[in-house]
């Protein structure tokens, strides 16, 4: 029996979870160049959310047509090119999602865009600290870990649902709620990090990796996160019900991804230390 709704639907708001470092870039928004670079960073964060939602949708469609065994992954995002079901067009569809990305969309035309944003991201998660990408294009093309993480989260959600003796239809609905939850957290973190007025968390003016996380103490950010959790718990039960073990992974993935994007070293060249280290138990 085919299972079109369960696999790959989980973390539509989860972005690339790579290492962050201890200090944040606090842009001088009175400086036109820094303000433009910050606006470009905001746009890239939003693009990544749309990218993940796109690939999740593609994977669900593929599983609906080619998924035979609910315990197997016929359409694996991490290995699409190697294991793509014959004739499915899965790899091409994933490439289409990537083709919509344009990190230079908000660029002023500078070749130094990546450095102007203080070199966000981590190009090598096997090494301690934050390794810079060569440029904006190289950063944009680094989506391998995202695919693998979404695959892993989707499989875990299914396993927890089955362990609770829930039927296929119910688990599908539950995973939809988990996806909505992750998207809600993404919006909270993004709004906080882009906020330069202090009304949504103040991350744009604060040098802290804890300012805009899912455990932040800022009242506005805490209220936003609590709202997302409340909506999720109203559908799944306190703490996520049978999926409680997954909630912390979703929170951690979004926190780590947000810090990797927004909270970089002061200047490029990386750092050997930080609040979030490579080899985290999250992934």
C-alpha atoms as a PDB file:
ATOM      1  CA  UNK A   1       0.000   0.000   0.000  1.00  0.00           C
ATOM      2  CA  UNK A   2       1.444   3.321  -0.979  1.00  0.00           C
ATOM      3  CA  UNK A   3       2.050   5.961   1.610  1.00  0.00           C
ATOM      4  CA  UNK A   4       1.897   9.418  -0.015  1.00  0.00           C
ATOM      5  CA  UNK A   5       1.797  11.666   3.034  1.00  0.00           C
ATOM      6  CA  UNK A   6       4.215  10.372   5.634  1.00  0.00           C
ATOM      7  CA  UNK A   7       7.751  10.531   4.388  1.00  0.00           C
ATOM      8  CA  UNK A   8       9.704  13.744   3.915  1.00  0.00           C
ATOM      9  CA  UNK A   9       6.960  16.055   5.144  1.00  0.00           C
ATOM     10  CA  UNK A  10       8.447  16.937   8.485  1.00  0.00           C
ATOM     11  CA  UNK A  11      10.725  19.931   8.606  1.00  0.00           C
ATOM     12  CA  UNK A  12       9.571  22.388   5.973  1.00  0.00           C
ATOM     13  CA  UNK A  13      11.057  25.175   8.072  1.00  0.00           C
ATOM     14  CA  UNK A  14      14.331  23.494   8.998  1.00  0.00           C
ATOM     15  CA  UNK A  15      17.366  24.932   7.247  1.00  0.00           C
ATOM     16  CA  UNK A  16      20.949  23.849   6.912  1.00  0.00           C
ATOM     17  CA  UNK A  17      22.174  22.991  10.427  1.00  0.00           C
ATOM     18  CA  UNK A  18      25.847  23.817  10.525  1.00  0.00           C
ATOM     19  CA  UNK A  19      28.162  25.197  13.159  1.00  0.00           C
ATOM     20  CA  UNK A  20      27.744  28.683  14.575  1.00  0.00           C
ATOM     21  CA  UNK A  21      30.242  30.810  16.450  1.00  0.00           C
ATOM     22  CA  UNK A  22      30.121  32.963  19.514  1.00  0.00           C
ATOM     23  CA  UNK A  23      29.928  36.482  18.201  1.00  0.00           C
ATOM     24  CA  UNK A  24      27.322  38.064  15.985  1.00  0.00           C
ATOM     25  CA  UNK A  25      27.599  40.565  13.206  1.00  0.00           C
ATOM     26  CA  UNK A  26      25.802  43.703  14.333  1.00  0.00           C
ATOM     27  CA  UNK A  27      25.428  45.832  11.201  1.00  0.00           C
ATOM     28  CA  UNK A  28      25.564  49.590  11.272  1.00  0.00           C
ATOM     29  CA  UNK A  29      22.175  50.284   9.696  1.00  0.00           C
ATOM     30  CA  UNK A  30      23.027  53.960   9.315  1.00  0.00           C
ATOM     31  CA  UNK A  31      25.649  52.850   6.796  1.00  0.00           C
ATOM     32  CA  UNK A  32      23.965  52.282   3.426  1.00  0.00           C
ATOM     33  CA  UNK A  33      26.373  49.524   2.391  1.00  0.00           C
ATOM     34  CA  UNK A  34      25.954  47.547   5.624  1.00  0.00           C
ATOM     35  CA  UNK A  35      22.204  48.056   5.551  1.00  0.00           C
ATOM     36  CA  UNK A  36      22.089  46.638   2.014  1.00  0.00           C
ATOM     37  CA  UNK A  37      24.211  43.629   3.004  1.00  0.00           C
ATOM     38  CA  UNK A  38      21.952  42.957   5.972  1.00  0.00           C
ATOM     39  CA  UNK A  39      18.904  43.149   3.709  1.00  0.00           C
ATOM     40  CA  UNK A  40      20.547  40.623   1.405  1.00  0.00           C
ATOM     41  CA  UNK A  41      21.125  38.287   4.352  1.00  0.00           C
ATOM     42  CA  UNK A  42      17.448  38.567   5.349  1.00  0.00           C
ATOM     43  CA  UNK A  43      16.425  37.672   1.806  1.00  0.00           C
ATOM     44  CA  UNK A  44      18.754  34.651   1.722  1.00  0.00           C
ATOM     45  CA  UNK A  45      17.234  33.329   4.975  1.00  0.00           C
ATOM     46  CA  UNK A  46      13.756  33.563   3.440  1.00  0.00           C
ATOM     47  CA  UNK A  47      14.942  31.900   0.234  1.00  0.00           C
ATOM     48  CA  UNK A  48      16.295  28.946   2.182  1.00  0.00           C
ATOM     49  CA  UNK A  49      12.934  28.394   3.872  1.00  0.00           C
ATOM     50  CA  UNK A  50      11.205  28.343   0.481  1.00  0.00           C
ATOM     51  CA  UNK A  51      13.882  26.010  -0.856  1.00  0.00           C
ATOM     52  CA  UNK A  52      13.312  23.445   1.909  1.00  0.00           C
ATOM     53  CA  UNK A  53       9.538  23.669   1.501  1.00  0.00           C
ATOM     54  CA  UNK A  54      10.009  23.051  -2.233  1.00  0.00           C
ATOM     55  CA  UNK A  55      12.143  19.930  -1.846  1.00  0.00           C
ATOM     56  CA  UNK A  56       9.833  18.502   0.824  1.00  0.00           C
ATOM     57  CA  UNK A  57       6.858  18.955  -1.519  1.00  0.00           C
ATOM     58  CA  UNK A  58       8.762  17.265  -4.352  1.00  0.00           C
ATOM     59  CA  UNK A  59       9.707  14.326  -2.111  1.00  0.00           C
ATOM     60  CA  UNK A  60       6.141  13.837  -0.885  1.00  0.00           C
ATOM     61  CA  UNK A  61       4.867  13.785  -4.470  1.00  0.00           C
ATOM     62  CA  UNK A  62       7.497  11.221  -5.450  1.00  0.00           C
ATOM     63  CA  UNK A  63       6.713   8.979  -2.471  1.00  0.00           C
ATOM     64  CA  UNK A  64       3.012   9.181  -3.277  1.00  0.00           C
ATOM     65  CA  UNK A  65       3.648   7.712  -6.704  1.00  0.00           C
ATOM     66  CA  UNK A  66       6.620   5.431  -6.110  1.00  0.00           C
ATOM     67  CA  UNK A  67       6.471   4.630  -2.396  1.00  0.00           C
ATOM     68  CA  UNK A  68       5.562   0.977  -1.853  1.00  0.00           C
ATOM     69  CA  UNK A  69       6.966   0.123   1.574  1.00  0.00           C
ATOM     70  CA  UNK A  70       6.126   2.614   4.372  1.00  0.00           C
ATOM     71  CA  UNK A  71       9.303   1.586   6.173  1.00  0.00           C
ATOM     72  CA  UNK A  72      11.510   2.357   3.175  1.00  0.00           C
ATOM     73  CA  UNK A  73      12.526   5.520   1.361  1.00  0.00           C
ATOM     74  CA  UNK A  74      12.064   5.109  -2.341  1.00  0.00           C
ATOM     75  CA  UNK A  75      12.630   8.830  -2.894  1.00  0.00           C
ATOM     76  CA  UNK A  76      15.615   9.834  -0.782  1.00  0.00           C
ATOM     77  CA  UNK A  77      16.608  13.465  -1.109  1.00  0.00           C
ATOM     78  CA  UNK A  78      20.168  12.811   0.036  1.00  0.00           C
ATOM     79  CA  UNK A  79      20.808  10.213  -2.695  1.00  0.00           C
ATOM     80  CA  UNK A  80      18.367  11.270  -5.418  1.00  0.00           C
ATOM     81  CA  UNK A  81      20.881  11.092  -8.265  1.00  0.00           C
ATOM     82  CA  UNK A  82      22.007   7.580  -7.327  1.00  0.00           C
ATOM     83  CA  UNK A  83      18.740   5.920  -6.264  1.00  0.00           C
ATOM     84  CA  UNK A  84      16.076   7.906  -8.075  1.00  0.00           C
ATOM     85  CA  UNK A  85      13.103   5.669  -9.072  1.00  0.00           C
ATOM     86  CA  UNK A  86      13.262   5.069 -12.807  1.00  0.00           C
ATOM     87  CA  UNK A  87      11.246   7.626 -14.721  1.00  0.00           C
ATOM     88  CA  UNK A  88      10.169   9.570 -11.650  1.00  0.00           C
ATOM     89  CA  UNK A  89      11.896  12.831 -12.542  1.00  0.00           C
ATOM     90  CA  UNK A  90      12.750  13.194  -8.856  1.00  0.00           C
ATOM     91  CA  UNK A  91      16.312  14.424  -9.333  1.00  0.00           C
ATOM     92  CA  UNK A  92      15.186  16.931 -11.945  1.00  0.00           C
ATOM     93  CA  UNK A  93      12.476  18.226  -9.611  1.00  0.00           C
ATOM     94  CA  UNK A  94      14.995  18.709  -6.807  1.00  0.00           C
ATOM     95  CA  UNK A  95      17.241  20.563  -9.240  1.00  0.00           C
ATOM     96  CA  UNK A  96      14.278  22.780 -10.056  1.00  0.00           C
ATOM     97  CA  UNK A  97      14.023  23.762  -6.382  1.00  0.00           C
ATOM     98  CA  UNK A  98      17.702  24.625  -6.333  1.00  0.00           C
ATOM     99  CA  UNK A  99      17.293  26.591  -9.540  1.00  0.00           C
ATOM    100  CA  UNK A 100      14.954  29.018  -7.771  1.00  0.00           C
ATOM    101  CA  UNK A 101      17.690  30.047  -5.366  1.00  0.00           C
ATOM    102  CA  UNK A 102      19.473  33.286  -6.129  1.00  0.00           C
ATOM    103  CA  UNK A 103      21.554  34.540  -3.226  1.00  0.00           C
ATOM    104  CA  UNK A 104      22.579  37.560  -5.266  1.00  0.00           C
ATOM    105  CA  UNK A 105      18.956  38.646  -5.802  1.00  0.00           C
ATOM    106  CA  UNK A 106      19.284  41.595  -3.422  1.00  0.00           C
ATOM    107  CA  UNK A 107      22.896  42.294  -4.307  1.00  0.00           C
ATOM    108  CA  UNK A 108      24.132  45.717  -5.248  1.00  0.00           C
ATOM    109  CA  UNK A 109      26.385  44.014  -7.774  1.00  0.00           C
ATOM    110  CA  UNK A 110      29.498  43.577  -5.657  1.00  0.00           C
ATOM    111  CA  UNK A 111      31.749  40.529  -5.981  1.00  0.00           C
ATOM    112  CA  UNK A 112      32.438  40.872  -2.269  1.00  0.00           C
ATOM    113  CA  UNK A 113      28.853  40.226  -1.115  1.00  0.00           C
ATOM    114  CA  UNK A 114      29.799  37.176   0.939  1.00  0.00           C
ATOM    115  CA  UNK A 115      32.563  38.959   2.826  1.00  0.00           C
ATOM    116  CA  UNK A 116      30.331  42.008   3.313  1.00  0.00           C
ATOM    117  CA  UNK A 117      27.877  39.773   5.218  1.00  0.00           C
ATOM    118  CA  UNK A 118      30.750  38.613   7.477  1.00  0.00           C
ATOM    119  CA  UNK A 119      31.091  35.203   5.762  1.00  0.00           C
ATOM    120  CA  UNK A 120      28.046  33.319   7.133  1.00  0.00           C
ATOM    121  CA  UNK A 121      27.734  29.527   7.162  1.00  0.00           C
ATOM    122  CA  UNK A 122      30.282  26.745   7.658  1.00  0.00           C
ATOM    123  CA  UNK A 123      31.866  25.127   4.623  1.00  0.00           C
ATOM    124  CA  UNK A 124      33.313  22.124   6.477  1.00  0.00           C
ATOM    125  CA  UNK A 125      31.420  20.710   9.447  1.00  0.00           C
ATOM    126  CA  UNK A 126      34.116  18.059   9.987  1.00  0.00           C
ATOM    127  CA  UNK A 127      36.492  20.741  11.248  1.00  0.00           C
ATOM    128  CA  UNK A 128      36.107  22.680  14.478  1.00  0.00           C
ATOM    129  CA  UNK A 129      34.912  26.256  14.218  1.00  0.00           C
ATOM    130  CA  UNK A 130      33.565  28.202  11.265  1.00  0.00           C
ATOM    131  CA  UNK A 131      35.154  27.643   7.857  1.00  0.00           C
ATOM    132  CA  UNK A 132      34.295  30.291   5.277  1.00  0.00           C
ATOM    133  CA  UNK A 133      32.957  29.516   1.819  1.00  0.00           C
ATOM    134  CA  UNK A 134      34.952  30.828  -1.108  1.00  0.00           C
ATOM    135  CA  UNK A 135      32.173  33.148  -2.231  1.00  0.00           C
ATOM    136  CA  UNK A 136      28.410  33.626  -2.427  1.00  0.00           C
ATOM    137  CA  UNK A 137      27.978  31.076  -5.223  1.00  0.00           C
ATOM    138  CA  UNK A 138      29.796  28.355  -3.302  1.00  0.00           C
ATOM    139  CA  UNK A 139      27.632  29.017  -0.252  1.00  0.00           C
ATOM    140  CA  UNK A 140      24.455  28.822  -2.328  1.00  0.00           C
ATOM    141  CA  UNK A 141      25.448  25.422  -3.733  1.00  0.00           C
ATOM    142  CA  UNK A 142      25.940  23.788  -0.319  1.00  0.00           C
ATOM    143  CA  UNK A 143      22.624  21.969   0.282  1.00  0.00           C
ATOM    144  CA  UNK A 144      23.786  18.385   0.774  1.00  0.00           C
ATOM    145  CA  UNK A 145      23.464  18.349   4.581  1.00  0.00           C
ATOM    146  CA  UNK A 146      19.963  19.819   4.337  1.00  0.00           C
ATOM    147  CA  UNK A 147      18.753  16.882   2.254  1.00  0.00           C
ATOM    148  CA  UNK A 148      20.269  14.313   4.618  1.00  0.00           C
ATOM    149  CA  UNK A 149      18.818  15.983   7.714  1.00  0.00           C
ATOM    150  CA  UNK A 150      15.309  16.185   6.291  1.00  0.00           C
ATOM    151  CA  UNK A 151      15.463  12.515   5.353  1.00  0.00           C
ATOM    152  CA  UNK A 152      16.526  11.585   8.880  1.00  0.00           C
ATOM    153  CA  UNK A 153      13.873  13.700  10.599  1.00  0.00           C
ATOM    154  CA  UNK A 154      11.120  12.304   8.370  1.00  0.00           C
ATOM    155  CA  UNK A 155      12.063   8.699   9.140  1.00  0.00           C
ATOM    156  CA  UNK A 156      12.186   9.372  12.890  1.00  0.00           C
ATOM    157  CA  UNK A 157       8.734  10.938  12.857  1.00  0.00           C
ATOM    158  CA  UNK A 158       7.273   7.876  11.159  1.00  0.00           C
ATOM    159  CA  UNK A 159       8.978   5.523  13.618  1.00  0.00           C
ATOM    160  CA  UNK A 160       7.592   7.424  16.633  1.00  0.00           C
ATOM    161  CA  UNK A 161       4.095   7.381  15.161  1.00  0.00           C
ATOM    162  CA  UNK A 162       4.198   3.655  14.547  1.00  0.00           C
ATOM    163  CA  UNK A 163       5.572   3.041  18.051  1.00  0.00           C
ATOM    164  CA  UNK A 164       2.489   4.808  19.403  1.00  0.00           C
ATOM    165  CA  UNK A 165       0.333   2.459  17.291  1.00  0.00           C
ATOM    166  CA  UNK A 166      -1.079   5.273  15.188  1.00  0.00           C
ATOM    167  CA  UNK A 167      -2.432   4.452  11.783  1.00  0.00           C
ATOM    168  CA  UNK A 168      -0.996   5.732   8.530  1.00  0.00           C
ATOM    169  CA  UNK A 169      -3.583   8.459   8.030  1.00  0.00           C
ATOM    170  CA  UNK A 170      -3.154   9.811  11.556  1.00  0.00           C
ATOM    171  CA  UNK A 171       0.636   9.886  11.313  1.00  0.00           C
ATOM    172  CA  UNK A 172       0.357  11.812   8.065  1.00  0.00           C
ATOM    173  CA  UNK A 173      -1.749  14.477   9.769  1.00  0.00           C
ATOM    174  CA  UNK A 174       0.631  14.565  12.734  1.00  0.00           C
ATOM    175  CA  UNK A 175       3.657  15.151  10.518  1.00  0.00           C
ATOM    176  CA  UNK A 176       1.767  17.985   8.874  1.00  0.00           C
ATOM    177  CA  UNK A 177       1.414  19.611  12.299  1.00  0.00           C
ATOM    178  CA  UNK A 178       5.134  19.132  12.988  1.00  0.00           C
ATOM    179  CA  UNK A 179       5.881  20.812   9.684  1.00  0.00           C
ATOM    180  CA  UNK A 180       3.670  23.764  10.593  1.00  0.00           C
ATOM    181  CA  UNK A 181       5.463  23.965  13.935  1.00  0.00           C
ATOM    182  CA  UNK A 182       8.895  24.152  12.319  1.00  0.00           C
ATOM    183  CA  UNK A 183       7.695  26.854   9.939  1.00  0.00           C
ATOM    184  CA  UNK A 184       6.348  28.834  12.880  1.00  0.00           C
ATOM    185  CA  UNK A 185       9.694  28.683  14.662  1.00  0.00           C
ATOM    186  CA  UNK A 186      11.502  29.723  11.507  1.00  0.00           C
ATOM    187  CA  UNK A 187       9.345  32.840  11.298  1.00  0.00           C
ATOM    188  CA  UNK A 188      10.031  33.678  14.945  1.00  0.00           C
ATOM    189  CA  UNK A 189      13.800  33.360  14.554  1.00  0.00           C
ATOM    190  CA  UNK A 190      13.891  35.234  11.255  1.00  0.00           C
ATOM    191  CA  UNK A 191      11.748  38.105  12.520  1.00  0.00           C
ATOM    192  CA  UNK A 192      13.876  38.417  15.653  1.00  0.00           C
ATOM    193  CA  UNK A 193      17.229  38.338  13.862  1.00  0.00           C
ATOM    194  CA  UNK A 194      16.112  40.945  11.323  1.00  0.00           C
ATOM    195  CA  UNK A 195      14.615  43.220  13.982  1.00  0.00           C
ATOM    196  CA  UNK A 196      16.515  46.477  14.461  1.00  0.00           C
ATOM    197  CA  UNK A 197      13.815  48.237  16.507  1.00  0.00           C
ATOM    198  CA  UNK A 198      13.488  45.896  19.488  1.00  0.00           C
ATOM    199  CA  UNK A 199       9.827  45.047  18.944  1.00  0.00           C
ATOM    200  CA  UNK A 200      10.375  41.451  17.743  1.00  0.00           C
ATOM    201  CA  UNK A 201      13.428  40.405  19.715  1.00  0.00           C
ATOM    202  CA  UNK A 202      16.067  42.923  18.672  1.00  0.00           C
ATOM    203  CA  UNK A 203      18.469  40.476  17.076  1.00  0.00           C
ATOM    204  CA  UNK A 204      19.578  42.973  14.453  1.00  0.00           C
ATOM    205  CA  UNK A 205      21.234  45.125  17.083  1.00  0.00           C
ATOM    206  CA  UNK A 206      22.399  42.481  19.554  1.00  0.00           C
ATOM    207  CA  UNK A 207      25.714  40.620  19.691  1.00  0.00           C
ATOM    208  CA  UNK A 208      24.452  37.322  21.117  1.00  0.00           C
ATOM    209  CA  UNK A 209      23.859  33.795  19.842  1.00  0.00           C
ATOM    210  CA  UNK A 210      21.068  33.396  22.401  1.00  0.00           C
ATOM    211  CA  UNK A 211      18.988  36.448  21.515  1.00  0.00           C
ATOM    212  CA  UNK A 212      16.771  34.789  18.896  1.00  0.00           C
ATOM    213  CA  UNK A 213      16.761  31.079  19.737  1.00  0.00           C
ATOM    214  CA  UNK A 214      13.814  28.900  20.767  1.00  0.00           C
ATOM    215  CA  UNK A 215      14.916  29.342  24.406  1.00  0.00           C
ATOM    216  CA  UNK A 216      15.542  33.103  24.267  1.00  0.00           C
ATOM    217  CA  UNK A 217      14.515  35.184  27.259  1.00  0.00           C
ATOM    218  CA  UNK A 218      13.539  38.248  25.249  1.00  0.00           C
ATOM    219  CA  UNK A 219       9.790  38.673  25.901  1.00  0.00           C
ATOM    220  CA  UNK A 220       8.830  39.174  22.256  1.00  0.00           C
ATOM    221  CA  UNK A 221      10.825  36.194  21.014  1.00  0.00           C
ATOM    222  CA  UNK A 222       9.680  33.981  23.902  1.00  0.00           C
ATOM    223  CA  UNK A 223       6.051  34.883  23.194  1.00  0.00           C
ATOM    224  CA  UNK A 224       6.423  34.052  19.511  1.00  0.00           C
ATOM    225  CA  UNK A 225       7.991  30.653  20.259  1.00  0.00           C
ATOM    226  CA  UNK A 226       5.355  29.927  22.904  1.00  0.00           C
ATOM    227  CA  UNK A 227       2.643  30.688  20.356  1.00  0.00           C
ATOM    228  CA  UNK A 228       4.121  28.202  17.875  1.00  0.00           C
ATOM    229  CA  UNK A 229       4.454  25.550  20.566  1.00  0.00           C
ATOM    230  CA  UNK A 230       0.929  26.163  21.784  1.00  0.00           C
ATOM    231  CA  UNK A 231      -0.539  25.587  18.340  1.00  0.00           C
ATOM    232  CA  UNK A 232       1.477  22.386  17.949  1.00  0.00           C
ATOM    233  CA  UNK A 233       0.509  21.049  21.386  1.00  0.00           C
ATOM    234  CA  UNK A 234      -3.167  21.764  20.786  1.00  0.00           C
ATOM    235  CA  UNK A 235      -3.003  19.207  17.968  1.00  0.00           C
ATOM    236  CA  UNK A 236      -0.424  16.682  19.205  1.00  0.00           C
ATOM    237  CA  UNK A 237      -0.619  16.928  22.989  1.00  0.00           C
ATOM    238  CA  UNK A 238       1.669  18.336  25.691  1.00  0.00           C
ATOM    239  CA  UNK A 239       5.281  18.437  24.579  1.00  0.00           C
ATOM    240  CA  UNK A 240       4.374  17.011  21.198  1.00  0.00           C
ATOM    241  CA  UNK A 241       2.668  13.869  22.473  1.00  0.00           C
ATOM    242  CA  UNK A 242       4.252  10.759  20.938  1.00  0.00           C
ATOM    243  CA  UNK A 243       6.637  12.993  18.983  1.00  0.00           C
ATOM    244  CA  UNK A 244       8.117  14.669  22.071  1.00  0.00           C
ATOM    245  CA  UNK A 245      11.569  13.249  21.325  1.00  0.00           C
ATOM    246  CA  UNK A 246      11.488  15.002  17.967  1.00  0.00           C
ATOM    247  CA  UNK A 247      10.542  18.469  19.221  1.00  0.00           C
ATOM    248  CA  UNK A 248      13.962  19.088  20.735  1.00  0.00           C
ATOM    249  CA  UNK A 249      15.639  18.062  17.466  1.00  0.00           C
ATOM    250  CA  UNK A 250      13.501  20.494  15.486  1.00  0.00           C
ATOM    251  CA  UNK A 251      14.225  23.284  17.975  1.00  0.00           C
ATOM    252  CA  UNK A 252      17.939  22.518  17.979  1.00  0.00           C
ATOM    253  CA  UNK A 253      18.201  22.308  14.200  1.00  0.00           C
ATOM    254  CA  UNK A 254      16.546  25.693  13.772  1.00  0.00           C
ATOM    255  CA  UNK A 255      18.622  27.295  16.531  1.00  0.00           C
ATOM    256  CA  UNK A 256      21.852  25.958  15.066  1.00  0.00           C
ATOM    257  CA  UNK A 257      20.906  26.924  11.524  1.00  0.00           C
ATOM    258  CA  UNK A 258      19.853  30.401  12.611  1.00  0.00           C
ATOM    259  CA  UNK A 259      23.098  30.962  14.473  1.00  0.00           C
ATOM    260  CA  UNK A 260      25.138  29.716  11.540  1.00  0.00           C
ATOM    261  CA  UNK A 261      23.477  32.245   9.254  1.00  0.00           C
ATOM    262  CA  UNK A 262      23.103  35.279  11.481  1.00  0.00           C
ATOM    263  CA  UNK A 263      25.754  35.025  14.182  1.00  0.00           C
ATOM    264  CA  UNK A 264      29.156  34.893  12.559  1.00  0.00           C
ATOM    265  CA  UNK A 265      32.633  35.875  13.650  1.00  0.00           C
ATOM    266  CA  UNK A 266      33.499  39.548  13.644  1.00  0.00           C
ATOM    267  CA  UNK A 267      35.079  39.476  10.230  1.00  0.00           C
ATOM    268  CA  UNK A 268      35.867  36.455   8.083  1.00  0.00           C
ATOM    269  CA  UNK A 269      38.534  33.757   8.566  1.00  0.00           C
ATOM    270  CA  UNK A 270      36.503  31.592  10.978  1.00  0.00           C
ATOM    271  CA  UNK A 271      37.004  30.754  14.619  1.00  0.00           C
ATOM    272  CA  UNK A 272      38.109  27.616  16.521  1.00  0.00           C
ATOM    273  CA  UNK A 273      35.543  28.089  19.272  1.00  0.00           C
ATOM    274  CA  UNK A 274      31.883  28.908  19.648  1.00  0.00           C
ATOM    275  CA  UNK A 275      28.606  28.283  21.403  1.00  0.00           C
ATOM    276  CA  UNK A 276      27.680  25.633  18.833  1.00  0.00           C
ATOM    277  CA  UNK A 277      30.391  23.129  17.936  1.00  0.00           C
ATOM    278  CA  UNK A 278      30.810  20.683  15.091  1.00  0.00           C
ATOM    279  CA  UNK A 279      29.910  17.108  15.926  1.00  0.00           C
ATOM    280  CA  UNK A 280      26.791  18.157  17.837  1.00  0.00           C
ATOM    281  CA  UNK A 281      24.576  15.279  18.916  1.00  0.00           C
ATOM    282  CA  UNK A 282      21.727  16.910  17.023  1.00  0.00           C
ATOM    283  CA  UNK A 283      23.073  15.726  13.686  1.00  0.00           C
END
